[in-house]
C-alpha atoms as a PDB file:
ATOM      1  CA  MET A   1      -8.088   0.613  23.984  1.00  0.00           C
ATOM      2  CA  LEU A   2     -10.315   2.208  21.223  1.00  0.00           C
ATOM      3  CA  GLN A   3     -11.743   5.464  21.992  1.00  0.00           C
ATOM      4  CA  SER A   4     -13.985   6.140  19.062  1.00  0.00           C
ATOM      5  CA  LYS A   5     -14.876   5.359  15.276  1.00  0.00           C
ATOM      6  CA  GLN A   6     -15.863   7.972  12.707  1.00  0.00           C
ATOM      7  CA  GLU A   7     -18.126   7.639   9.857  1.00  0.00           C
ATOM      8  CA  ILE A   8     -16.277   8.913   6.795  1.00  0.00           C
ATOM      9  CA  PHE A   9     -17.787  10.258   3.293  1.00  0.00           C
ATOM     10  CA  MET A  10     -18.075   7.109   0.939  1.00  0.00           C
ATOM     11  CA  PRO A  11     -17.217   8.372  -2.470  1.00  0.00           C
ATOM     12  CA  GLN A  12     -19.421   7.416  -5.186  1.00  0.00           C
ATOM     13  CA  TRP A  13     -16.887   5.526  -7.407  1.00  0.00           C
ATOM     14  CA  LEU A  14     -16.229   3.351  -4.345  1.00  0.00           C
ATOM     15  CA  THR A  15     -19.987   2.383  -3.861  1.00  0.00           C
ATOM     16  CA  LYS A  16     -20.555   1.396  -7.501  1.00  0.00           C
ATOM     17  CA  GLU A  17     -19.581  -2.152  -8.649  1.00  0.00           C
ATOM     18  CA  ILE A  18     -16.216  -1.690 -10.451  1.00  0.00           C
ATOM     19  CA  LEU A  19     -15.826  -5.398  -9.836  1.00  0.00           C
ATOM     20  CA  PRO A  20     -18.861  -7.342 -10.728  1.00  0.00           C
ATOM     21  CA  GLY A  21     -20.257  -9.047  -7.358  1.00  0.00           C
ATOM     22  CA  ILE A  22     -17.683  -7.677  -5.041  1.00  0.00           C
ATOM     23  CA  ILE A  23     -18.918  -5.505  -2.090  1.00  0.00           C
ATOM     24  CA  PHE A  24     -16.481  -3.050  -0.644  1.00  0.00           C
ATOM     25  CA  LYS A  25     -16.896  -2.183   3.011  1.00  0.00           C
ATOM     26  CA  ARG A  26     -16.941   1.455   4.117  1.00  0.00           C
ATOM     27  CA  PRO A  27     -13.502   2.238   5.801  1.00  0.00           C
ATOM     28  CA  GLU A  28     -13.380   3.867   9.123  1.00  0.00           C
ATOM     29  CA  ILE A  29     -11.230   6.283  10.765  1.00  0.00           C
ATOM     30  CA  THR A  30     -10.553   4.977  14.265  1.00  0.00           C
ATOM     31  CA  GLU A  31      -9.132   7.138  17.099  1.00  0.00           C
ATOM     32  CA  LEU A  32      -6.335   5.195  19.095  1.00  0.00           C
ATOM     33  CA  GLN A  33      -5.807   6.079  22.465  1.00  0.00           C
ATOM     34  CA  ASN A  34      -2.954   5.199  25.096  1.00  0.00           C
ATOM     35  CA  GLU A  35      -1.096   7.000  27.863  1.00  0.00           C
ATOM     36  CA  THR A  36       1.778   8.226  25.550  1.00  0.00           C
ATOM     37  CA  TYR A  37      -0.497  10.126  23.311  1.00  0.00           C
ATOM     38  CA  GLN A  38      -2.481  11.610  26.325  1.00  0.00           C
ATOM     39  CA  LYS A  39       0.755  12.686  28.097  1.00  0.00           C
ATOM     40  CA  ASN A  40       1.786  14.531  24.882  1.00  0.00           C
ATOM     41  CA  ASN A  41      -1.555  15.949  24.149  1.00  0.00           C
ATOM     42  CA  ILE A  42      -1.531  14.265  20.695  1.00  0.00           C
ATOM     43  CA  GLN A  43      -4.394  12.600  18.800  1.00  0.00           C
ATOM     44  CA  VAL A  44      -3.686   9.660  16.720  1.00  0.00           C
ATOM     45  CA  TYR A  45      -6.251   8.088  14.174  1.00  0.00           C
ATOM     46  CA  LEU A  46      -5.826   5.215  11.911  1.00  0.00           C
ATOM     47  CA  LEU A  47      -7.562   5.057   8.457  1.00  0.00           C
ATOM     48  CA  ARG A  48      -8.655   1.394   8.094  1.00  0.00           C
ATOM     49  CA  LEU A  49      -8.124   1.044   4.209  1.00  0.00           C
ATOM     50  CA  ASP A  50      -7.445  -2.826   5.191  1.00  0.00           C
ATOM     51  CA  GLU A  51     -11.056  -3.009   5.820  1.00  0.00           C
ATOM     52  CA  ILE A  52     -12.328  -2.457   2.495  1.00  0.00           C
ATOM     53  CA  HIS A  53     -11.855  -6.060   1.268  1.00  0.00           C
ATOM     54  CA  PRO A  54      -9.983  -8.942   2.308  1.00  0.00           C
ATOM     55  CA  VAL A  55      -7.861  -9.321  -0.740  1.00  0.00           C
ATOM     56  CA  ILE A  56      -7.983  -5.947  -2.808  1.00  0.00           C
ATOM     57  CA  SER A  57      -7.537  -4.021   0.489  1.00  0.00           C
ATOM     58  CA  GLY A  58      -5.659  -0.957   1.544  1.00  0.00           C
ATOM     59  CA  ASN A  59      -4.324   1.276  -1.306  1.00  0.00           C
ATOM     60  CA  LYS A  60      -4.148  -1.893  -3.802  1.00  0.00           C
ATOM     61  CA  LEU A  61      -7.682  -1.102  -4.800  1.00  0.00           C
ATOM     62  CA  PHE A  62      -7.009   2.664  -5.310  1.00  0.00           C
ATOM     63  CA  LYS A  63      -3.897   2.276  -7.405  1.00  0.00           C
ATOM     64  CA  LEU A  64      -5.412  -0.210  -9.409  1.00  0.00           C
ATOM     65  CA  TYR A  65      -8.603   1.439 -10.048  1.00  0.00           C
ATOM     66  CA  TYR A  66      -7.929   3.452 -13.389  1.00  0.00           C
ATOM     67  CA  PHE A  67      -6.092   0.392 -14.681  1.00  0.00           C
ATOM     68  CA  LEU A  68      -9.104  -1.746 -14.143  1.00  0.00           C
ATOM     69  CA  GLU A  69     -11.318   0.825 -15.571  1.00  0.00           C
ATOM     70  CA  GLU A  70      -9.249   0.676 -18.742  1.00  0.00           C
ATOM     71  CA  ALA A  71      -9.524  -2.924 -18.948  1.00  0.00           C
ATOM     72  CA  LYS A  72     -13.333  -2.918 -18.453  1.00  0.00           C
ATOM     73  CA  ASN A  73     -13.616  -0.441 -21.378  1.00  0.00           C
ATOM     74  CA  ASN A  74     -11.327  -2.508 -23.626  1.00  0.00           C
ATOM     75  CA  PRO A  75     -12.597  -6.102 -23.501  1.00  0.00           C
ATOM     76  CA  GLY A  76     -10.079  -8.594 -24.968  1.00  0.00           C
ATOM     77  CA  LYS A  77      -7.055  -7.131 -23.503  1.00  0.00           C
ATOM     78  CA  LYS A  78      -4.926  -8.725 -20.842  1.00  0.00           C
ATOM     79  CA  ILE A  79      -3.235  -7.382 -17.839  1.00  0.00           C
ATOM     80  CA  ILE A  80       0.639  -7.693 -17.280  1.00  0.00           C
ATOM     81  CA  THR A  81       2.069  -6.573 -14.185  1.00  0.00           C
ATOM     82  CA  PHE A  82       5.227  -7.231 -11.897  1.00  0.00           C
ATOM     83  CA  GLY A  83       6.299  -8.069  -8.271  1.00  0.00           C
ATOM     84  CA  GLY A  84       7.995 -10.304  -5.825  1.00  0.00           C
ATOM     85  CA  ALA A  85       7.032 -13.607  -4.296  1.00  0.00           C
ATOM     86  CA  TYR A  86       5.208 -11.468  -1.382  1.00  0.00           C
ATOM     87  CA  SER A  87       3.664  -8.836  -3.365  1.00  0.00           C
ATOM     88  CA  ASN A  88       0.331  -7.502  -2.114  1.00  0.00           C
ATOM     89  CA  HIS A  89       0.020  -5.864  -5.558  1.00  0.00           C
ATOM     90  CA  LEU A  90       0.183  -8.992  -7.277  1.00  0.00           C
ATOM     91  CA  ALA A  91      -2.313 -10.675  -5.246  1.00  0.00           C
ATOM     92  CA  ALA A  92      -4.912  -8.043  -5.535  1.00  0.00           C
ATOM     93  CA  THR A  93      -4.342  -7.857  -9.490  1.00  0.00           C
ATOM     94  CA  ALA A  94      -4.717 -11.480  -9.858  1.00  0.00           C
ATOM     95  CA  PHE A  95      -7.982 -11.711  -7.715  1.00  0.00           C
ATOM     96  CA  ALA A  96      -9.557  -8.420  -9.498  1.00  0.00           C
ATOM     97  CA  CYS A  97      -8.583 -10.065 -12.954  1.00  0.00           C
ATOM     98  CA  LYS A  98     -10.321 -13.293 -12.038  1.00  0.00           C
ATOM     99  CA  GLU A  99     -13.370 -11.421 -10.915  1.00  0.00           C
ATOM    100  CA  MET A 100     -13.537  -9.410 -14.275  1.00  0.00           C
ATOM    101  CA  ASN A 101     -12.487 -12.320 -16.426  1.00  0.00           C
ATOM    102  CA  ILE A 102      -9.377 -10.691 -17.655  1.00  0.00           C
ATOM    103  CA  PRO A 103      -6.400 -12.913 -18.340  1.00  0.00           C
ATOM    104  CA  CYS A 104      -3.230 -11.769 -16.424  1.00  0.00           C
ATOM    105  CA  ILE A 105       0.366 -12.359 -16.280  1.00  0.00           C
ATOM    106  CA  GLY A 106       2.629 -11.755 -13.279  1.00  0.00           C
ATOM    107  CA  ILE A 107       6.348 -11.261 -13.939  1.00  0.00           C
ATOM    108  CA  ILE A 108       8.012 -12.505 -10.909  1.00  0.00           C
ATOM    109  CA  ARG A 109      11.408 -11.061  -9.346  1.00  0.00           C
ATOM    110  CA  GLY A 110      13.665 -13.881  -9.180  1.00  0.00           C
ATOM    111  CA  GLU A 111      14.247 -17.508 -10.202  1.00  0.00           C
ATOM    112  CA  LYS A 112      11.211 -19.760  -9.661  1.00  0.00           C
ATOM    113  CA  PRO A 113      11.567 -21.183  -5.877  1.00  0.00           C
ATOM    114  CA  GLU A 114      11.246 -24.820  -5.221  1.00  0.00           C
ATOM    115  CA  ILE A 115       8.442 -24.035  -2.696  1.00  0.00           C
ATOM    116  CA  LEU A 116       6.201 -21.176  -3.959  1.00  0.00           C
ATOM    117  CA  SER A 117       5.124 -18.380  -1.368  1.00  0.00           C
ATOM    118  CA  PRO A 118       1.512 -18.185  -0.150  1.00  0.00           C
ATOM    119  CA  THR A 119       1.097 -15.122  -2.151  1.00  0.00           C
ATOM    120  CA  LEU A 120       2.312 -16.859  -5.500  1.00  0.00           C
ATOM    121  CA  LEU A 121       0.297 -19.894  -4.547  1.00  0.00           C
ATOM    122  CA  PHE A 122      -2.766 -17.448  -4.383  1.00  0.00           C
ATOM    123  CA  CYS A 123      -2.055 -15.927  -7.551  1.00  0.00           C
ATOM    124  CA  LEU A 124      -1.944 -19.138  -9.268  1.00  0.00           C
ATOM    125  CA  ARG A 125      -5.295 -20.159  -7.944  1.00  0.00           C
ATOM    126  CA  GLN A 126      -6.917 -17.039  -9.353  1.00  0.00           C
ATOM    127  CA  GLY A 127      -5.706 -17.877 -12.742  1.00  0.00           C
ATOM    128  CA  MET A 128      -2.531 -15.686 -12.877  1.00  0.00           C
ATOM    129  CA  GLN A 129       0.150 -16.787 -15.237  1.00  0.00           C
ATOM    130  CA  LEU A 130       3.543 -16.541 -13.573  1.00  0.00           C
ATOM    131  CA  GLU A 131       6.739 -15.828 -15.393  1.00  0.00           C
ATOM    132  CA  TYR A 132      10.223 -15.697 -13.564  1.00  0.00           C
ATOM    133  CA  ILE A 133      12.861 -13.376 -14.209  1.00  0.00           C
ATOM    134  CA  SER A 134      16.394 -13.069 -12.687  1.00  0.00           C
ATOM    135  CA  ARG A 135      16.818 -10.429 -10.045  1.00  0.00           C
ATOM    136  CA  LYS A 136      19.398  -8.987 -12.691  1.00  0.00           C
ATOM    137  CA  GLY A 137      17.027  -8.957 -15.468  1.00  0.00           C
ATOM    138  CA  TYR A 138      14.150  -7.594 -13.289  1.00  0.00           C
ATOM    139  CA  ARG A 139      16.051  -4.406 -12.638  1.00  0.00           C
ATOM    140  CA  LYS A 140      15.586  -3.637 -16.238  1.00  0.00           C
ATOM    141  CA  ILE A 141      11.682  -3.877 -16.251  1.00  0.00           C
ATOM    142  CA  ILE A 142      11.272  -0.184 -16.406  1.00  0.00           C
ATOM    143  CA  GLY A 143      13.850   0.365 -19.267  1.00  0.00           C
ATOM    144  CA  LYS A 144      12.189   1.235 -22.723  1.00  0.00           C
ATOM    145  CA  GLU A 145      13.872  -1.732 -24.439  1.00  0.00           C
ATOM    146  CA  PHE A 146      12.330  -4.359 -21.919  1.00  0.00           C
ATOM    147  CA  LEU A 147       8.789  -2.872 -22.310  1.00  0.00           C
ATOM    148  CA  ASP A 148       9.033  -2.191 -26.074  1.00  0.00           C
ATOM    149  CA  GLU A 149       9.815  -6.086 -26.237  1.00  0.00           C
ATOM    150  CA  LEU A 150       6.946  -6.955 -23.886  1.00  0.00           C
ATOM    151  CA  LYS A 151       4.460  -5.067 -25.900  1.00  0.00           C
ATOM    152  CA  THR A 152       5.585  -6.484 -29.131  1.00  0.00           C
ATOM    153  CA  THR A 153       5.172 -10.071 -27.367  1.00  0.00           C
ATOM    154  CA  HIS A 154       1.729  -9.212 -25.925  1.00  0.00           C
ATOM    155  CA  VAL A 155       0.099  -6.927 -28.467  1.00  0.00           C
ATOM    156  CA  ASP A 156      -3.337  -6.632 -26.778  1.00  0.00           C
ATOM    157  CA  SER A 157      -2.073  -5.794 -23.089  1.00  0.00           C
ATOM    158  CA  ILE A 158      -2.210  -3.236 -20.439  1.00  0.00           C
ATOM    159  CA  ILE A 159       0.875  -2.847 -18.626  1.00  0.00           C
ATOM    160  CA  ILE A 160       0.716  -2.191 -14.914  1.00  0.00           C
ATOM    161  CA  PRO A 161       4.229  -1.251 -13.485  1.00  0.00           C
ATOM    162  CA  GLU A 162       5.288  -2.773  -9.982  1.00  0.00           C
ATOM    163  CA  GLY A 163       3.179  -1.500  -7.395  1.00  0.00           C
ATOM    164  CA  GLY A 164       1.196   0.632  -9.723  1.00  0.00           C
ATOM    165  CA  PHE A 165       4.082   3.011 -10.018  1.00  0.00           C
ATOM    166  CA  SER A 166       2.769   5.294 -12.666  1.00  0.00           C
ATOM    167  CA  ILE A 167       0.708   8.677 -13.241  1.00  0.00           C
ATOM    168  CA  LYS A 168      -2.375   6.366 -13.544  1.00  0.00           C
ATOM    169  CA  GLY A 169      -1.559   4.702 -10.222  1.00  0.00           C
ATOM    170  CA  LYS A 170      -0.801   8.030  -8.662  1.00  0.00           C
ATOM    171  CA  GLU A 171      -4.069   9.549  -9.627  1.00  0.00           C
ATOM    172  CA  GLY A 172      -5.909   6.354  -8.348  1.00  0.00           C
ATOM    173  CA  ALA A 173      -4.020   6.664  -4.967  1.00  0.00           C
ATOM    174  CA  SER A 174      -5.215  10.490  -4.909  1.00  0.00           C
ATOM    175  CA  LEU A 175      -8.611   9.144  -4.391  1.00  0.00           C
ATOM    176  CA  ILE A 176      -7.702   8.110  -1.018  1.00  0.00           C
ATOM    177  CA  CYS A 177      -7.792  11.821   0.090  1.00  0.00           C
ATOM    178  CA  GLU A 178     -11.439  11.889  -0.605  1.00  0.00           C
ATOM    179  CA  LEU A 179     -11.624   9.916   2.658  1.00  0.00           C
ATOM    180  CA  PHE A 180     -10.372  12.487   5.034  1.00  0.00           C
ATOM    181  CA  ASN A 181      -9.715  15.822   3.445  1.00  0.00           C
ATOM    182  CA  ASP A 182     -12.632  17.198   5.333  1.00  0.00           C
ATOM    183  CA  LYS A 183     -10.981  16.093   8.886  1.00  0.00           C
ATOM    184  CA  LYS A 184      -8.259  18.773   8.738  1.00  0.00           C
ATOM    185  CA  PHE A 185      -5.355  16.688  10.195  1.00  0.00           C
ATOM    186  CA  THR A 186      -2.124  18.353  10.933  1.00  0.00           C
ATOM    187  CA  HIS A 187      -0.127  15.211   9.884  1.00  0.00           C
ATOM    188  CA  VAL A 188      -0.856  12.428   7.523  1.00  0.00           C
ATOM    189  CA  CYS A 189       1.452   9.493   7.845  1.00  0.00           C
ATOM    190  CA  LEU A 190       1.882   6.418   5.630  1.00  0.00           C
ATOM    191  CA  PRO A 191       4.434   3.707   4.759  1.00  0.00           C
ATOM    192  CA  VAL A 192       6.284   4.141   1.442  1.00  0.00           C
ATOM    193  CA  GLY A 193       7.284   1.388  -1.020  1.00  0.00           C
ATOM    194  CA  THR A 194       7.020   2.526  -4.786  1.00  0.00           C
ATOM    195  CA  ALA A 195       6.120   5.905  -3.575  1.00  0.00           C
ATOM    196  CA  THR A 196       2.979   5.788  -5.683  1.00  0.00           C
ATOM    197  CA  THR A 197       0.483   6.218  -2.750  1.00  0.00           C
ATOM    198  CA  PHE A 198       2.884   8.733  -1.150  1.00  0.00           C
ATOM    199  CA  ALA A 199       2.824  10.859  -4.471  1.00  0.00           C
ATOM    200  CA  GLY A 200      -0.955  10.573  -4.727  1.00  0.00           C
ATOM    201  CA  ILE A 201      -1.420  11.771  -1.095  1.00  0.00           C
ATOM    202  CA  ILE A 202       0.801  14.699  -1.457  1.00  0.00           C
ATOM    203  CA  ASP A 203      -1.037  15.711  -4.846  1.00  0.00           C
ATOM    204  CA  SER A 204      -4.444  15.851  -3.392  1.00  0.00           C
ATOM    205  CA  ASN A 205      -3.588  17.354  -0.042  1.00  0.00           C
ATOM    206  CA  LYS A 206      -6.281  20.163   0.277  1.00  0.00           C
ATOM    207  CA  ASN A 207      -5.227  21.112   3.675  1.00  0.00           C
ATOM    208  CA  GLU A 208      -2.260  22.474   5.456  1.00  0.00           C
ATOM    209  CA  SER A 209      -1.310  18.807   6.685  1.00  0.00           C
ATOM    210  CA  GLU A 210       2.235  17.845   6.684  1.00  0.00           C
ATOM    211  CA  ILE A 211       2.443  14.516   4.762  1.00  0.00           C
ATOM    212  CA  ILE A 212       5.156  12.052   6.329  1.00  0.00           C
ATOM    213  CA  GLY A 213       6.131   8.951   4.327  1.00  0.00           C
ATOM    214  CA  PHE A 214       7.912   6.153   6.186  1.00  0.00           C
ATOM    215  CA  GLY A 215      10.306   3.977   3.877  1.00  0.00           C
ATOM    216  CA  VAL A 216      10.298   0.350   4.240  1.00  0.00           C
ATOM    217  CA  LEU A 217      13.415  -0.366   2.085  1.00  0.00           C
ATOM    218  CA  LYS A 218      16.927  -0.143   3.119  1.00  0.00           C
ATOM    219  CA  ASN A 219      18.812   2.855   1.449  1.00  0.00           C
ATOM    220  CA  PHE A 220      15.981   4.279  -0.131  1.00  0.00           C
ATOM    221  CA  THR A 221      17.951   6.996  -1.674  1.00  0.00           C
ATOM    222  CA  ASP A 222      15.997   7.542  -4.885  1.00  0.00           C
ATOM    223  CA  ILE A 223      12.758   9.048  -3.351  1.00  0.00           C
ATOM    224  CA  ALA A 224      13.003  12.608  -4.759  1.00  0.00           C
ATOM    225  CA  PHE A 225      13.681  10.969  -8.318  1.00  0.00           C
ATOM    226  CA  ARG A 226      10.467   8.766  -7.808  1.00  0.00           C
ATOM    227  CA  LEU A 227       8.402  11.655  -6.901  1.00  0.00           C
ATOM    228  CA  GLN A 228       9.717  13.650  -9.788  1.00  0.00           C
ATOM    229  CA  GLN A 229       8.954  10.865 -12.247  1.00  0.00           C
ATOM    230  CA  LEU A 230       5.324  11.246 -10.705  1.00  0.00           C
ATOM    231  CA  LYS A 231       5.135  14.800 -11.306  1.00  0.00           C
ATOM    232  CA  ILE A 232       5.525  15.932  -7.691  1.00  0.00           C
ATOM    233  CA  SER A 233       7.129  19.398  -7.081  1.00  0.00           C
ATOM    234  CA  PRO A 234       9.712  19.457  -4.507  1.00  0.00           C
ATOM    235  CA  HIS A 235       7.930  22.567  -3.142  1.00  0.00           C
ATOM    236  CA  GLN A 236       4.874  20.598  -1.869  1.00  0.00           C
ATOM    237  CA  LYS A 237       4.505  19.769   1.741  1.00  0.00           C
ATOM    238  CA  TYR A 238       5.868  16.569   2.590  1.00  0.00           C
ATOM    239  CA  LYS A 239       8.625  14.641   4.536  1.00  0.00           C
ATOM    240  CA  PHE A 240      10.410  11.368   4.044  1.00  0.00           C
ATOM    241  CA  ASN A 241      11.725   9.187   7.035  1.00  0.00           C
ATOM    242  CA  ASN A 242      13.734   6.168   6.195  1.00  0.00           C
ATOM    243  CA  ASP A 243      14.697   5.253   9.898  1.00  0.00           C
ATOM    244  CA  TYR A 244      12.293   2.512  10.374  1.00  0.00           C
ATOM    245  CA  HIS A 245      12.938  -0.103   7.621  1.00  0.00           C
ATOM    246  CA  PHE A 246      14.007  -2.572  10.080  1.00  0.00           C
ATOM    247  CA  GLY A 247      16.763  -3.963   7.824  1.00  0.00           C
ATOM    248  CA  GLY A 248      14.881  -3.706   4.426  1.00  0.00           C
ATOM    249  CA  TYR A 249      11.997  -4.558   2.405  1.00  0.00           C
ATOM    250  CA  ALA A 250      10.033  -7.433   4.022  1.00  0.00           C
ATOM    251  CA  LYS A 251      12.622  -7.522   6.899  1.00  0.00           C
ATOM    252  CA  LYS A 252      11.590  -7.837  10.424  1.00  0.00           C
ATOM    253  CA  THR A 253      13.039  -7.870  13.928  1.00  0.00           C
ATOM    254  CA  ASN A 254      11.613  -9.347  17.048  1.00  0.00           C
ATOM    255  CA  GLU A 255      11.271  -5.996  18.374  1.00  0.00           C
ATOM    256  CA  LEU A 256       8.924  -5.231  15.340  1.00  0.00           C
ATOM    257  CA  ILE A 257       6.996  -8.436  15.982  1.00  0.00           C
ATOM    258  CA  SER A 258       6.580  -7.517  19.688  1.00  0.00           C
ATOM    259  CA  PHE A 259       5.300  -4.146  18.756  1.00  0.00           C
ATOM    260  CA  MET A 260       2.694  -5.739  16.432  1.00  0.00           C
ATOM    261  CA  ASN A 261       1.473  -8.056  19.099  1.00  0.00           C
ATOM    262  CA  SER A 262       1.337  -5.390  21.619  1.00  0.00           C
ATOM    263  CA  PHE A 263      -0.410  -3.042  19.050  1.00  0.00           C
ATOM    264  CA  TYR A 264      -3.079  -5.570  18.517  1.00  0.00           C
ATOM    265  CA  ILE A 265      -3.678  -6.579  22.210  1.00  0.00           C
ATOM    266  CA  GLN A 266      -4.083  -2.793  22.934  1.00  0.00           C
ATOM    267  CA  HIS A 267      -6.250  -1.667  19.822  1.00  0.00           C
ATOM    268  CA  ARG A 268      -7.593  -4.885  18.384  1.00  0.00           C
ATOM    269  CA  ILE A 269      -5.924  -3.846  14.955  1.00  0.00           C
ATOM    270  CA  PRO A 270      -3.587  -6.323  12.999  1.00  0.00           C
ATOM    271  CA  LEU A 271      -0.819  -4.709  11.414  1.00  0.00           C
ATOM    272  CA  ASP A 272       1.398  -6.280   8.382  1.00  0.00           C
ATOM    273  CA  PHE A 273       5.281  -6.445   9.152  1.00  0.00           C
ATOM    274  CA  VAL A 274       6.051  -5.232   5.453  1.00  0.00           C
ATOM    275  CA  TYR A 275       4.274  -1.791   5.606  1.00  0.00           C
ATOM    276  CA  THR A 276       2.062  -0.399   8.232  1.00  0.00           C
ATOM    277  CA  ALA A 277       3.718  -1.912  11.355  1.00  0.00           C
ATOM    278  CA  LYS A 278       6.903  -0.161  10.444  1.00  0.00           C
ATOM    279  CA  MET A 279       4.937   3.115   9.948  1.00  0.00           C
ATOM    280  CA  MET A 280       3.171   2.950  13.222  1.00  0.00           C
ATOM    281  CA  TYR A 281       6.323   2.006  15.143  1.00  0.00           C
ATOM    282  CA  GLY A 282       7.996   5.231  13.558  1.00  0.00           C
ATOM    283  CA  VAL A 283       5.033   7.364  14.465  1.00  0.00           C
ATOM    284  CA  ASN A 284       4.991   6.062  18.017  1.00  0.00           C
ATOM    285  CA  ASP A 285       8.795   6.560  18.305  1.00  0.00           C
ATOM    286  CA  LEU A 286       8.623  10.174  17.081  1.00  0.00           C
ATOM    287  CA  ILE A 287       5.988  10.965  19.673  1.00  0.00           C
ATOM    288  CA  GLN A 288       8.113   9.753  22.219  1.00  0.00           C
ATOM    289  CA  LYS A 289      10.995  11.844  20.934  1.00  0.00           C
ATOM    290  CA  LYS A 290       8.782  14.973  20.823  1.00  0.00           C
ATOM    291  CA  TYR A 291       8.911  15.339  16.989  1.00  0.00           C
ATOM    292  CA  PHE A 292       5.203  16.219  17.067  1.00  0.00           C
ATOM    293  CA  THR A 293       3.943  19.360  18.936  1.00  0.00           C
ATOM    294  CA  PRO A 294       1.133  19.214  21.546  1.00  0.00           C
ATOM    295  CA  GLY A 295      -2.148  19.511  19.899  1.00  0.00           C
ATOM    296  CA  ALA A 296      -1.075  17.661  16.739  1.00  0.00           C
ATOM    297  CA  LYS A 297      -3.749  15.543  15.156  1.00  0.00           C
ATOM    298  CA  ILE A 298      -2.297  12.678  13.209  1.00  0.00           C
ATOM    299  CA  LEU A 299      -3.790  10.465  10.622  1.00  0.00           C
ATOM    300  CA  CYS A 300      -1.944   7.083   9.965  1.00  0.00           C
ATOM    301  CA  ILE A 301      -3.090   5.237   6.619  1.00  0.00           C
ATOM    302  CA  HIS A 302      -3.327   1.569   7.182  1.00  0.00           C
ATOM    303  CA  THR A 303      -2.561   0.467   3.657  1.00  0.00           C
ATOM    304  CA  GLY A 304      -3.494  -3.350   4.010  1.00  0.00           C
ATOM    305  CA  GLY A 305      -1.318  -5.886   2.818  1.00  0.00           C
ATOM    306  CA  LEU A 306      -2.327  -8.471   5.805  1.00  0.00           C
ATOM    307  CA  GLN A 307      -1.752 -11.396   3.575  1.00  0.00           C
ATOM    308  CA  GLY A 308       2.033 -10.940   3.917  1.00  0.00           C
ATOM    309  CA  ASN A 309       1.594 -12.119   7.415  1.00  0.00           C
ATOM    310  CA  ASN A 310       0.995 -15.445   5.979  1.00  0.00           C
ATOM    311  CA  SER A 311       4.824 -16.043   5.377  1.00  0.00           C
ATOM    312  CA  LEU A 312       5.312 -15.900   9.302  1.00  0.00           C
ATOM    313  CA  PRO A 313       5.501 -19.102  11.091  1.00  0.00           C
ATOM    314  CA  GLU A 314       2.397 -20.156  12.987  1.00  0.00           C
ATOM    315  CA  GLY A 315       2.046 -18.521  16.374  1.00  0.00           C
ATOM    316  CA  THR A 316       4.374 -15.627  15.498  1.00  0.00           C
ATOM    317  CA  LEU A 317       1.538 -13.227  15.785  1.00  0.00           C
ATOM    318  CA  VAL A 318      -1.214 -13.258  18.432  1.00  0.00           C
ATOM    319  CA  TYR A 319      -3.913 -12.839  15.635  1.00  0.00           C
END
């Protein structure tokens, strides 16, 4: 049952047309209500970044923002980026480049499959050129030798790291805080993949909120190194939880799918199994385990990525 929706401040940068002809919807902060929350005297809210746009949804628009701005100011350059077969980042980049008439290349992790995923088919329809690289070779994409060769082969290009993992991507993700910094939540929770958005939220936290990241990868042991790369001080206020990955990246279990369906029936809000569902499951579980003290006011960030659900067999989800 939904209790209420809050109007939030709409930043000027989001209202102007950074993509010609595209209208971005104002995201809402929805208060969720169920007996567990009430019993524990805890308020839980969901920032609906998934509502901004059907494709460039969630945190993708934010992480891409400064890269797209650079491309807009440098006509003639192409964009090169990276991702797996179900990458929300690839889909968002491909769509944005089509709208801005920017040529783009997606470097895909793994050999070309016999049957392309719905995400890769979408990227092709947007005009993205796909190039495949072995998983072993893909592990070298952040290396200087690989990047130097890429820059030599593609001289006039803007390279966006996987998931936007970069200072520029972090600065874009920091803009998300403009949507809620005036609400004074005790905790801000979000799923963590590359840690770019996590770093951005930590960096721009203007309150005493505890930022909690929920890892979606198995054996996510390099979070401290990733945050260090993005210039985040270990003294800043955050915690990282890797107990709710459900087997690893893009992995799922019947328990997670059941949770997604129950959540939708109760709140009429769709979750994706790669990111947001794992985070929401973790938050609910921690509430039941009394992690949060009574009076806590928790903001959960819906990072979008619903297109990933297209890979599930028909009938798996009730939405």
